[in-house]
Amino acid sequence: MKGKLLSAALVMTVLSGSADAGELGVFLTLPTPTETWKTGFGFHAAVISLPFLQAGGEWARVSGENSLLSISTYTAQAEFNPPSLKVSPFVGVGAGAYHQNNGSNSDWGTLTAIFGGLRVPIGVAKLRAEFRKVSLSGTPRANIDKRFSLGVSFRF
């Protein structure tokens, strides 16, 4: 048992030593249906970054075409990405919460997401393009079903 534990610790040390500690990024996002929503913005952070796996979270805020409507999403997520590629594809899953305001009314609910995209190096940063399928729980006042995001991220 002690040998297996030591072997597992050694493997994790080797893997984590070859990876970056994390990633921070900002993005602009366009959700659908577009007749309901305007362009939004958000931030993401990865707190665990191993060669094939990243885990972290994101926050996004989108205003509605109606000036009283807005939604904020809070998502914990994990993504799989192959290491050592110039243009790096990724896929992932997420779960979290949303807060939707519509004038004096507001709702909280849960959300799930599946997503995928590409990271393209641009100097010290990476351009991050992502497509996300979003499912909101219950009957939200205004639904978001998909989101395309474009941003920049930095690994550290």
Protein backbone atom coordinates (compact mmCIF):
# COMPACT_ATOMS: atom_id res chain seq x y z
CA MET A 1 0.00 0.00 0.00
CA LYS A 2 2.78 2.43 0.94
CA GLY A 3 4.56 1.69 -2.37
CA LYS A 4 1.42 2.42 -4.40
CA LEU A 5 0.88 5.69 -2.58
CA LEU A 6 4.50 6.71 -3.16
CA SER A 7 4.24 5.79 -6.86
CA ALA A 8 1.04 7.82 -7.26
CA ALA A 9 2.66 10.83 -5.54
CA LEU A 10 5.70 10.55 -7.82
CA VAL A 11 3.54 10.43 -10.96
CA MET A 12 1.54 13.48 -9.83
CA THR A 13 4.75 15.38 -9.07
CA VAL A 14 6.19 14.63 -12.50
CA LEU A 15 2.93 15.61 -14.23
CA SER A 16 2.41 18.79 -12.24
CA GLY A 17 6.04 19.82 -12.67
CA SER A 18 5.61 19.86 -16.45
CA ALA A 19 2.38 21.85 -16.35
CA ASP A 20 1.56 25.48 -15.75
CA ALA A 21 0.04 26.40 -12.39
CA GLY A 22 -3.10 27.94 -13.87
CA GLU A 23 -4.72 30.26 -16.35
CA LEU A 24 -6.53 33.61 -16.19
CA GLY A 25 -8.60 35.08 -18.99
CA VAL A 26 -11.21 37.58 -20.10
CA PHE A 27 -13.74 37.19 -22.89
CA LEU A 28 -16.60 38.76 -24.81
CA THR A 29 -19.59 36.52 -25.37
CA LEU A 30 -22.64 36.42 -27.64
CA PRO A 31 -25.48 34.22 -26.38
CA THR A 32 -28.52 32.97 -28.26
CA PRO A 33 -31.36 33.64 -28.81
CA THR A 34 -29.88 36.88 -30.17
CA GLU A 35 -33.24 38.66 -30.23
CA THR A 36 -33.22 38.50 -26.40
CA TRP A 37 -29.55 39.09 -25.50
CA LYS A 38 -26.75 41.58 -26.23
CA THR A 39 -23.01 40.90 -26.15
CA GLY A 40 -21.69 40.13 -22.66
CA PHE A 41 -18.34 39.70 -20.96
CA GLY A 42 -16.71 37.43 -18.42
CA PHE A 43 -13.64 36.09 -16.67
CA HIS A 44 -12.31 32.59 -16.25
CA ALA A 45 -9.62 31.10 -14.04
CA ALA A 46 -8.10 27.66 -13.91
CA VAL A 47 -6.69 26.77 -10.51
CA ILE A 48 -5.52 23.28 -11.49
CA SER A 49 -3.64 22.88 -14.74
CA LEU A 50 -2.22 19.42 -15.47
CA PRO A 51 -1.00 18.30 -18.92
CA PHE A 52 -4.44 16.92 -19.96
CA LEU A 53 -6.83 18.50 -17.48
CA GLN A 54 -7.77 21.97 -16.27
CA ALA A 55 -10.23 22.76 -13.47
CA GLY A 56 -11.51 26.13 -12.38
CA GLY A 57 -14.43 28.43 -12.90
CA GLU A 58 -15.91 31.30 -14.84
CA TRP A 59 -18.21 34.23 -14.29
CA ALA A 60 -20.13 35.84 -17.16
CA ARG A 61 -22.64 38.69 -17.36
CA VAL A 62 -24.93 39.45 -20.27
CA SER A 63 -27.45 42.28 -20.66
CA GLY A 64 -30.72 41.82 -22.45
CA GLU A 65 -32.10 43.74 -25.41
CA ASN A 66 -34.65 44.95 -22.85
CA SER A 67 -32.59 47.28 -20.62
CA LEU A 68 -34.08 45.77 -17.42
CA LEU A 69 -32.99 42.21 -18.28
CA SER A 70 -29.60 40.73 -17.32
CA ILE A 71 -28.10 37.40 -16.33
CA SER A 72 -24.95 36.45 -14.43
CA THR A 73 -23.61 32.90 -14.53
CA TYR A 74 -21.21 31.25 -12.08
CA THR A 75 -19.74 27.98 -13.37
CA ALA A 76 -17.30 25.45 -11.91
CA GLN A 77 -15.76 23.57 -14.82
CA ALA A 78 -13.27 20.97 -15.92
CA GLU A 79 -11.74 20.73 -19.37
CA PHE A 80 -9.67 18.19 -21.22
CA ASN A 81 -6.93 19.53 -23.51
CA PRO A 82 -4.07 17.68 -25.20
CA PRO A 83 -0.67 19.15 -24.27
CA SER A 84 2.12 20.40 -26.51
CA LEU A 85 0.09 21.49 -29.51
CA LYS A 86 0.49 24.96 -31.07
CA VAL A 87 -3.25 25.28 -31.68
CA SER A 88 -4.77 23.51 -28.70
CA PRO A 89 -8.35 22.17 -28.85
CA PHE A 90 -10.29 21.63 -25.62
CA VAL A 91 -13.63 20.18 -24.47
CA GLY A 92 -15.25 20.39 -21.06
CA VAL A 93 -18.23 20.28 -18.76
CA GLY A 94 -19.47 22.72 -16.16
CA ALA A 95 -22.13 23.14 -13.48
CA GLY A 96 -23.13 26.13 -11.42
CA ALA A 97 -25.73 28.79 -10.81
CA TYR A 98 -27.32 31.73 -12.59
CA HIS A 99 -28.93 34.93 -11.35
CA GLN A 100 -31.36 36.61 -13.69
CA ASN A 101 -32.79 40.12 -13.19
CA ASN A 102 -35.80 41.54 -14.98
CA GLY A 103 -36.66 44.88 -13.45
CA SER A 104 -37.78 44.34 -9.86
CA ASN A 105 -37.99 40.54 -10.34
CA SER A 106 -35.02 38.24 -9.98
CA ASP A 107 -34.44 34.48 -10.12
CA TRP A 108 -31.70 32.12 -9.01
CA GLY A 109 -31.30 28.73 -10.63
CA THR A 110 -28.79 26.08 -11.57
CA LEU A 111 -27.05 25.57 -14.87
CA THR A 112 -25.09 22.91 -16.69
CA ALA A 113 -22.82 23.40 -19.69
CA ILE A 114 -20.81 21.44 -22.21
CA PHE A 115 -18.24 23.34 -24.25
CA GLY A 116 -15.38 23.12 -26.67
CA GLY A 117 -13.00 25.39 -28.49
CA LEU A 118 -9.46 26.29 -29.47
CA ARG A 119 -6.53 28.16 -27.95
CA VAL A 120 -4.23 29.87 -30.45
CA PRO A 121 -0.91 31.39 -29.31
CA ILE A 122 -0.52 35.16 -29.85
CA GLY A 123 2.79 36.15 -28.29
CA VAL A 124 2.75 35.53 -24.53
CA ALA A 125 -1.04 35.14 -24.50
CA LYS A 126 -3.48 32.73 -26.12
CA LEU A 127 -6.55 33.65 -28.11
CA ARG A 128 -9.42 31.49 -26.80
CA ALA A 129 -12.48 30.79 -28.96
CA GLU A 130 -15.26 28.75 -27.36
CA PHE A 131 -18.72 27.40 -28.13
CA ARG A 132 -20.85 26.53 -25.09
CA LYS A 133 -24.22 24.73 -24.86
CA VAL A 134 -26.00 25.97 -21.73
CA SER A 135 -29.02 24.49 -19.90
CA LEU A 136 -30.77 26.64 -17.27
CA SER A 137 -32.97 24.96 -14.64
CA GLY A 138 -36.64 25.67 -14.13
CA THR A 139 -38.39 28.25 -16.28
CA PRO A 140 -36.05 31.25 -16.53
CA ARG A 141 -37.64 34.57 -17.51
CA ALA A 142 -35.40 34.63 -20.60
CA ASN A 143 -33.50 31.56 -21.73
CA ILE A 144 -29.92 31.25 -22.95
CA ASP A 145 -29.28 28.07 -24.90
CA LYS A 146 -25.88 28.62 -26.54
CA ARG A 147 -22.97 31.01 -26.20
CA PHE A 148 -20.00 31.84 -28.43
CA SER A 149 -17.07 33.51 -26.65
CA LEU A 150 -13.82 35.04 -27.84
CA GLY A 151 -11.13 36.17 -25.43
CA VAL A 152 -7.54 36.14 -24.36
CA SER A 153 -5.93 34.07 -21.62
CA PHE A 154 -2.57 33.92 -19.89
CA ARG A 155 -1.00 30.81 -18.36
CA PHE A 156 1.20 31.18 -15.31
